């Protein structure tokens, strides 16, 4: 689920505090499209950023090791 649909904001305006803590986050690789869950607390602490678009710089694809143009999104509830 795109974060803009969840928060009502454009992707580049979404902050960690805009997303409820019970919503799991994941990242999508900008190169190969691989998707994997991310640890929200670890990402927020490591990046020290408020906006998710800047925190995406700290995500590395586990399939192809890409670090560019990755995107964070909310996992849909099962």
PDB file of N, CA and C in Angstrom:
ATOM      1  N   UNK A   1       0.852  -1.170   0.000  1.00  0.00           N
ATOM      2  CA  UNK A   1       0.000   0.000   0.000  1.00  0.00           C
ATOM      3  C   UNK A   1       0.902   1.239   0.000  1.00  0.00           C
ATOM      4  N   UNK A   2       0.625   2.130  -0.892  1.00  0.00           N
ATOM      5  CA  UNK A   2       1.399   3.367  -0.948  1.00  0.00           C
ATOM      6  C   UNK A   2       1.110   4.214   0.281  1.00  0.00           C
ATOM      7  N   UNK A   3       2.133   4.898   0.761  1.00  0.00           N
ATOM      8  CA  UNK A   3       1.998   5.711   1.962  1.00  0.00           C
ATOM      9  C   UNK A   3       1.087   6.905   1.750  1.00  0.00           C
ATOM     10  N   UNK A   4       0.998   7.394   0.520  1.00  0.00           N
ATOM     11  CA  UNK A   4       0.120   8.529   0.251  1.00  0.00           C
ATOM     12  C   UNK A   4      -1.346   8.138   0.446  1.00  0.00           C
ATOM     13  N   UNK A   5      -1.702   6.889   0.143  1.00  0.00           N
ATOM     14  CA  UNK A   5      -3.072   6.429   0.356  1.00  0.00           C
ATOM     15  C   UNK A   5      -3.364   6.271   1.847  1.00  0.00           C
ATOM     16  N   UNK A   6      -2.352   5.929   2.607  1.00  0.00           N
ATOM     17  CA  UNK A   6      -2.512   5.719   4.047  1.00  0.00           C
ATOM     18  C   UNK A   6      -2.573   7.034   4.818  1.00  0.00           C
ATOM     19  N   UNK A   7      -1.765   8.004   4.413  1.00  0.00           N
ATOM     20  CA  UNK A   7      -1.647   9.249   5.176  1.00  0.00           C
ATOM     21  C   UNK A   7      -2.389  10.428   4.566  1.00  0.00           C
ATOM     22  N   UNK A   8      -2.708  10.359   3.279  1.00  0.00           N
ATOM     23  CA  UNK A   8      -3.347  11.486   2.609  1.00  0.00           C
ATOM     24  C   UNK A   8      -2.351  12.552   2.184  1.00  0.00           C
ATOM     25  N   UNK A   9      -1.066  12.249   2.273  1.00  0.00           N
ATOM     26  CA  UNK A   9      -0.008  13.175   1.871  1.00  0.00           C
ATOM     27  C   UNK A   9       0.728  12.615   0.664  1.00  0.00           C
ATOM     28  N   UNK A  10       1.394  13.497  -0.058  1.00  0.00           N
ATOM     29  CA  UNK A  10       2.247  13.079  -1.164  1.00  0.00           C
ATOM     30  C   UNK A  10       3.459  12.356  -0.571  1.00  0.00           C
ATOM     31  N   UNK A  11       4.040  11.384  -1.314  1.00  0.00           N
ATOM     32  CA  UNK A  11       5.121  10.551  -0.785  1.00  0.00           C
ATOM     33  C   UNK A  11       6.248  11.369  -0.161  1.00  0.00           C
ATOM     34  N   UNK A  12       6.650  12.453  -0.804  1.00  0.00           N
ATOM     35  CA  UNK A  12       7.789  13.216  -0.289  1.00  0.00           C
ATOM     36  C   UNK A  12       7.460  14.018   0.970  1.00  0.00           C
ATOM     37  N   UNK A  13       6.192  14.084   1.364  1.00  0.00           N
ATOM     38  CA  UNK A  13       5.796  14.784   2.588  1.00  0.00           C
ATOM     39  C   UNK A  13       5.599  13.850   3.780  1.00  0.00           C
ATOM     40  N   UNK A  14       5.631  12.547   3.571  1.00  0.00           N
ATOM     41  CA  UNK A  14       5.327  11.576   4.624  1.00  0.00           C
ATOM     42  C   UNK A  14       6.485  11.477   5.613  1.00  0.00           C
ATOM     43  N   UNK A  15       6.139  11.587   6.882  1.00  0.00           N
ATOM     44  CA  UNK A  15       7.118  11.489   7.967  1.00  0.00           C
ATOM     45  C   UNK A  15       6.843  10.200   8.741  1.00  0.00           C
ATOM     46  N   UNK A  16       7.836   9.758   9.506  1.00  0.00           N
ATOM     47  CA  UNK A  16       7.650   8.562  10.331  1.00  0.00           C
ATOM     48  C   UNK A  16       6.459   8.720  11.266  1.00  0.00           C
ATOM     49  N   UNK A  17       6.280   9.904  11.819  1.00  0.00           N
ATOM     50  CA  UNK A  17       5.203  10.131  12.791  1.00  0.00           C
ATOM     51  C   UNK A  17       3.816  10.103  12.151  1.00  0.00           C
ATOM     52  N   UNK A  18       3.735  10.217  10.825  1.00  0.00           N
ATOM     53  CA  UNK A  18       2.444  10.174  10.132  1.00  0.00           C
ATOM     54  C   UNK A  18       1.901   8.756  10.002  1.00  0.00           C
ATOM     55  N   UNK A  19       2.758   7.777  10.157  1.00  0.00           N
ATOM     56  CA  UNK A  19       2.361   6.379   9.984  1.00  0.00           C
ATOM     57  C   UNK A  19       2.180   5.745  11.355  1.00  0.00           C
ATOM     58  N   UNK A  20       1.014   5.149  11.615  1.00  0.00           N
ATOM     59  CA  UNK A  20       0.809   4.495  12.912  1.00  0.00           C
ATOM     60  C   UNK A  20       1.871   3.422  13.160  1.00  0.00           C
ATOM     61  N   UNK A  21       2.248   3.260  14.408  1.00  0.00           N
ATOM     62  CA  UNK A  21       3.333   2.334  14.748  1.00  0.00           C
ATOM     63  C   UNK A  21       2.983   0.870  14.462  1.00  0.00           C
ATOM     64  N   UNK A  22       1.705   0.541  14.374  1.00  0.00           N
ATOM     65  CA  UNK A  22       1.305  -0.849  14.112  1.00  0.00           C
ATOM     66  C   UNK A  22       1.360  -1.210  12.628  1.00  0.00           C
ATOM     67  N   UNK A  23       1.594  -0.250  11.764  1.00  0.00           N
ATOM     68  CA  UNK A  23       1.670  -0.511  10.327  1.00  0.00           C
ATOM     69  C   UNK A  23       3.091  -0.941   9.966  1.00  0.00           C
ATOM     70  N   UNK A  24       3.278  -2.157   9.468  1.00  0.00           N
ATOM     71  CA  UNK A  24       4.635  -2.606   9.096  1.00  0.00           C
ATOM     72  C   UNK A  24       5.092  -1.937   7.804  1.00  0.00           C
ATOM     73  N   UNK A  25       6.365  -1.623   7.736  1.00  0.00           N
ATOM     74  CA  UNK A  25       6.941  -0.978   6.563  1.00  0.00           C
ATOM     75  C   UNK A  25       7.796  -1.960   5.779  1.00  0.00           C
ATOM     76  N   UNK A  26       7.913  -1.710   4.497  1.00  0.00           N
ATOM     77  CA  UNK A  26       8.753  -2.526   3.629  1.00  0.00           C
ATOM     78  C   UNK A  26       9.435  -1.588   2.639  1.00  0.00           C
ATOM     79  N   UNK A  27      10.422  -2.105   1.930  1.00  0.00           N
ATOM     80  CA  UNK A  27      11.136  -1.319   0.925  1.00  0.00           C
ATOM     81  C   UNK A  27      11.110  -2.048  -0.407  1.00  0.00           C
ATOM     82  N   UNK A  28      11.054  -1.270  -1.476  1.00  0.00           N
ATOM     83  CA  UNK A  28      11.068  -1.806  -2.834  1.00  0.00           C
ATOM     84  C   UNK A  28      12.318  -1.281  -3.522  1.00  0.00           C
ATOM     85  N   UNK A  29      13.064  -2.181  -4.124  1.00  0.00           N
ATOM     86  CA  UNK A  29      14.297  -1.815  -4.823  1.00  0.00           C
ATOM     87  C   UNK A  29      13.959  -1.062  -6.107  1.00  0.00           C
ATOM     88  N   UNK A  30      14.671   0.020  -6.343  1.00  0.00           N
ATOM     89  CA  UNK A  30      14.466   0.804  -7.545  1.00  0.00           C
ATOM     90  C   UNK A  30      15.090   0.182  -8.775  1.00  0.00           C
ATOM     91  N   UNK A  31      15.928  -0.834  -8.591  1.00  0.00           N
ATOM     92  CA  UNK A  31      16.618  -1.470  -9.705  1.00  0.00           C
ATOM     93  C   UNK A  31      15.936  -2.778 -10.138  1.00  0.00           C
ATOM     94  N   UNK A  32      15.788  -3.705  -9.204  1.00  0.00           N
ATOM     95  CA  UNK A  32      15.252  -5.025  -9.562  1.00  0.00           C
ATOM     96  C   UNK A  32      13.800  -5.243  -9.118  1.00  0.00           C
ATOM     97  N   UNK A  33      13.256  -4.339  -8.295  1.00  0.00           N
ATOM     98  CA  UNK A  33      11.869  -4.465  -7.857  1.00  0.00           C
ATOM     99  C   UNK A  33      11.667  -5.380  -6.665  1.00  0.00           C
ATOM    100  N   UNK A  34      12.744  -5.902  -6.107  1.00  0.00           N
ATOM    101  CA  UNK A  34      12.641  -6.780  -4.945  1.00  0.00           C
ATOM    102  C   UNK A  34      12.012  -6.033  -3.774  1.00  0.00           C
ATOM    103  N   UNK A  35      11.136  -6.707  -3.028  1.00  0.00           N
ATOM    104  CA  UNK A  35      10.477  -6.109  -1.869  1.00  0.00           C
ATOM    105  C   UNK A  35      10.814  -6.912  -0.627  1.00  0.00           C
ATOM    106  N   UNK A  36      11.066  -6.196   0.481  1.00  0.00           N
ATOM    107  CA  UNK A  36      11.388  -6.859   1.740  1.00  0.00           C
ATOM    108  C   UNK A  36      10.960  -5.952   2.898  1.00  0.00           C
ATOM    109  N   UNK A  37      10.547  -6.565   4.007  1.00  0.00           N
ATOM    110  CA  UNK A  37      10.180  -5.755   5.177  1.00  0.00           C
ATOM    111  C   UNK A  37      11.405  -5.077   5.780  1.00  0.00           C
ATOM    112  N   UNK A  38      11.188  -3.926   6.412  1.00  0.00           N
ATOM    113  CA  UNK A  38      12.269  -3.203   7.085  1.00  0.00           C
ATOM    114  C   UNK A  38      11.887  -2.989   8.544  1.00  0.00           C
ATOM    115  N   UNK A  39      12.885  -2.912   9.374  1.00  0.00           N
ATOM    116  CA  UNK A  39      12.683  -2.638  10.792  1.00  0.00           C
ATOM    117  C   UNK A  39      12.545  -1.129  10.968  1.00  0.00           C
ATOM    118  N   UNK A  40      11.356  -0.704  11.271  1.00  0.00           N
ATOM    119  CA  UNK A  40      11.040   0.719  11.352  1.00  0.00           C
ATOM    120  C   UNK A  40      11.914   1.466  12.368  1.00  0.00           C
ATOM    121  N   UNK A  41      12.022   0.931  13.572  1.00  0.00           N
ATOM    122  CA  UNK A  41      12.786   1.597  14.628  1.00  0.00           C
ATOM    123  C   UNK A  41      14.264   1.706  14.249  1.00  0.00           C
ATOM    124  N   UNK A  42      14.803   0.625  13.709  1.00  0.00           N
ATOM    125  CA  UNK A  42      16.213   0.627  13.298  1.00  0.00           C
ATOM    126  C   UNK A  42      16.456   1.640  12.180  1.00  0.00           C
ATOM    127  N   UNK A  43      15.575   1.675  11.198  1.00  0.00           N
ATOM    128  CA  UNK A  43      15.719   2.604  10.087  1.00  0.00           C
ATOM    129  C   UNK A  43      15.612   4.050  10.559  1.00  0.00           C
ATOM    130  N   UNK A  44      14.672   4.326  11.430  1.00  0.00           N
ATOM    131  CA  UNK A  44      14.499   5.680  11.927  1.00  0.00           C
ATOM    132  C   UNK A  44      15.702   6.130  12.753  1.00  0.00           C
ATOM    133  N   UNK A  45      16.212   5.224  13.581  1.00  0.00           N
ATOM    134  CA  UNK A  45      17.367   5.553  14.411  1.00  0.00           C
ATOM    135  C   UNK A  45      18.628   5.723  13.561  1.00  0.00           C
ATOM    136  N   UNK A  46      18.821   4.849  12.592  1.00  0.00           N
ATOM    137  CA  UNK A  46      20.024   4.888  11.752  1.00  0.00           C
ATOM    138  C   UNK A  46      20.039   6.111  10.849  1.00  0.00           C
ATOM    139  N   UNK A  47      18.907   6.431  10.269  1.00  0.00           N
ATOM    140  CA  UNK A  47      18.865   7.554   9.332  1.00  0.00           C
ATOM    141  C   UNK A  47      18.774   8.899  10.034  1.00  0.00           C
ATOM    142  N   UNK A  48      18.221   8.930  11.215  1.00  0.00           N
ATOM    143  CA  UNK A  48      17.995  10.162  11.972  1.00  0.00           C
ATOM    144  C   UNK A  48      17.252  11.188  11.133  1.00  0.00           C
ATOM    145  N   UNK A  49      16.350  10.699  10.316  1.00  0.00           N
ATOM    146  CA  UNK A  49      15.544  11.560   9.454  1.00  0.00           C
ATOM    147  C   UNK A  49      14.087  11.490   9.872  1.00  0.00           C
ATOM    148  N   UNK A  50      13.381  12.550   9.632  1.00  0.00           N
ATOM    149  CA  UNK A  50      11.953  12.570   9.920  1.00  0.00           C
ATOM    150  C   UNK A  50      11.154  12.105   8.701  1.00  0.00           C
ATOM    151  N   UNK A  51      11.657  12.433   7.503  1.00  0.00           N
ATOM    152  CA  UNK A  51      10.946  12.087   6.281  1.00  0.00           C
ATOM    153  C   UNK A  51      11.402  10.732   5.753  1.00  0.00           C
ATOM    154  N   UNK A  52      10.427   9.933   5.321  1.00  0.00           N
ATOM    155  CA  UNK A  52      10.744   8.603   4.794  1.00  0.00           C
ATOM    156  C   UNK A  52      11.536   8.662   3.493  1.00  0.00           C
ATOM    157  N   UNK A  53      11.328   9.680   2.700  1.00  0.00           N
ATOM    158  CA  UNK A  53      12.050   9.747   1.424  1.00  0.00           C
ATOM    159  C   UNK A  53      13.554   9.870   1.645  1.00  0.00           C
ATOM    160  N   UNK A  54      13.968  10.513   2.722  1.00  0.00           N
ATOM    161  CA  UNK A  54      15.393  10.618   3.026  1.00  0.00           C
ATOM    162  C   UNK A  54      15.906   9.351   3.704  1.00  0.00           C
ATOM    163  N   UNK A  55      15.064   8.699   4.481  1.00  0.00           N
ATOM    164  CA  UNK A  55      15.464   7.468   5.159  1.00  0.00           C
ATOM    165  C   UNK A  55      15.671   6.325   4.157  1.00  0.00           C
ATOM    166  N   UNK A  56      15.055   6.413   2.993  1.00  0.00           N
ATOM    167  CA  UNK A  56      15.209   5.364   1.973  1.00  0.00           C
ATOM    168  C   UNK A  56      16.640   5.247   1.484  1.00  0.00           C
ATOM    169  N   UNK A  57      17.462   6.275   1.698  1.00  0.00           N
ATOM    170  CA  UNK A  57      18.873   6.204   1.313  1.00  0.00           C
ATOM    171  C   UNK A  57      19.635   5.166   2.126  1.00  0.00           C
ATOM    172  N   UNK A  58      19.087   4.787   3.269  1.00  0.00           N
ATOM    173  CA  UNK A  58      19.757   3.845   4.160  1.00  0.00           C
ATOM    174  C   UNK A  58      19.273   2.414   3.971  1.00  0.00           C
ATOM    175  N   UNK A  59      18.532   2.173   2.909  1.00  0.00           N
ATOM    176  CA  UNK A  59      18.010   0.837   2.611  1.00  0.00           C
ATOM    177  C   UNK A  59      18.827   0.251   1.470  1.00  0.00           C
ATOM    178  N   UNK A  60      19.305  -0.966   1.660  1.00  0.00           N
ATOM    179  CA  UNK A  60      20.066  -1.674   0.620  1.00  0.00           C
ATOM    180  C   UNK A  60      19.293  -2.929   0.241  1.00  0.00           C
ATOM    181  N   UNK A  61      19.168  -3.174  -1.054  1.00  0.00           N
ATOM    182  CA  UNK A  61      18.472  -4.361  -1.542  1.00  0.00           C
ATOM    183  C   UNK A  61      19.273  -5.610  -1.174  1.00  0.00           C
ATOM    184  N   UNK A  62      18.597  -6.599  -0.624  1.00  0.00           N
ATOM    185  CA  UNK A  62      19.273  -7.845  -0.242  1.00  0.00           C
ATOM    186  C   UNK A  62      19.434  -8.788  -1.431  1.00  0.00           C
ATOM    187  N   UNK A  63      18.843  -8.444  -2.557  1.00  0.00           N
ATOM    188  CA  UNK A  63      18.955  -9.294  -3.736  1.00  0.00           C
ATOM    189  C   UNK A  63      20.075  -8.820  -4.676  1.00  0.00           C
ATOM    190  N   UNK A  64      20.120  -7.505  -4.953  1.00  0.00           N
ATOM    191  CA  UNK A  64      21.101  -7.000  -5.908  1.00  0.00           C
ATOM    192  C   UNK A  64      22.055  -5.959  -5.310  1.00  0.00           C
ATOM    193  N   UNK A  65      21.912  -5.648  -4.050  1.00  0.00           N
ATOM    194  CA  UNK A  65      22.754  -4.690  -3.310  1.00  0.00           C
ATOM    195  C   UNK A  65      22.608  -3.240  -3.766  1.00  0.00           C
ATOM    196  N   UNK A  66      21.547  -2.933  -4.475  1.00  0.00           N
ATOM    197  CA  UNK A  66      21.293  -1.567  -4.914  1.00  0.00           C
ATOM    198  C   UNK A  66      20.984  -0.660  -3.720  1.00  0.00           C
ATOM    199  N   UNK A  67      21.492   0.580  -3.771  1.00  0.00           N
ATOM    200  CA  UNK A  67      21.190   1.541  -2.707  1.00  0.00           C
ATOM    201  C   UNK A  67      20.517   2.799  -3.252  1.00  0.00           C
ATOM    202  N   UNK A  68      20.222   2.841  -4.547  1.00  0.00           N
ATOM    203  CA  UNK A  68      19.667   4.035  -5.177  1.00  0.00           C
ATOM    204  C   UNK A  68      18.208   3.853  -5.573  1.00  0.00           C
ATOM    205  N   UNK A  69      17.434   4.912  -5.438  1.00  0.00           N
ATOM    206  CA  UNK A  69      16.046   4.975  -5.888  1.00  0.00           C
ATOM    207  C   UNK A  69      15.143   3.935  -5.223  1.00  0.00           C
ATOM    208  N   UNK A  70      15.466   3.535  -4.010  1.00  0.00           N
ATOM    209  CA  UNK A  70      14.607   2.620  -3.279  1.00  0.00           C
ATOM    210  C   UNK A  70      13.437   3.404  -2.703  1.00  0.00           C
ATOM    211  N   UNK A  71      12.340   2.709  -2.447  1.00  0.00           N
ATOM    212  CA  UNK A  71      11.126   3.368  -1.982  1.00  0.00           C
ATOM    213  C   UNK A  71      10.550   2.582  -0.813  1.00  0.00           C
ATOM    214  N   UNK A  72      10.084   3.303   0.191  1.00  0.00           N
ATOM    215  CA  UNK A  72       9.483   2.679   1.354  1.00  0.00           C
ATOM    216  C   UNK A  72       7.970   2.739   1.211  1.00  0.00           C
ATOM    217  N   UNK A  73       7.301   1.644   1.581  1.00  0.00           N
ATOM    218  CA  UNK A  73       5.854   1.588   1.500  1.00  0.00           C
ATOM    219  C   UNK A  73       5.318   0.804   2.678  1.00  0.00           C
ATOM    220  N   UNK A  74       4.020   0.840   2.875  1.00  0.00           N
ATOM    221  CA  UNK A  74       3.371   0.117   3.984  1.00  0.00           C
ATOM    222  C   UNK A  74       2.915  -1.248   3.481  1.00  0.00           C
ATOM    223  N   UNK A  75       3.189  -2.270   4.283  1.00  0.00           N
ATOM    224  CA  UNK A  75       2.707  -3.611   3.930  1.00  0.00           C
ATOM    225  C   UNK A  75       1.210  -3.680   4.186  1.00  0.00           C
ATOM    226  N   UNK A  76       0.504  -4.312   3.287  1.00  0.00           N
ATOM    227  CA  UNK A  76      -0.940  -4.472   3.445  1.00  0.00           C
ATOM    228  C   UNK A  76      -1.217  -5.468   4.536  1.00  0.00           C
ATOM    229  N   UNK A  77      -2.247  -5.218   5.294  1.00  0.00           N
ATOM    230  CA  UNK A  77      -2.623  -6.143   6.375  1.00  0.00           C
ATOM    231  C   UNK A  77      -3.141  -7.442   5.773  1.00  0.00           C
ATOM    232  N   UNK A  78      -2.767  -8.599   6.360  1.00  0.00           N
ATOM    233  CA  UNK A  78      -3.219  -9.877   5.806  1.00  0.00           C
ATOM    234  C   UNK A  78      -4.696 -10.106   6.005  1.00  0.00           C
TER     235      UNK A  78
END
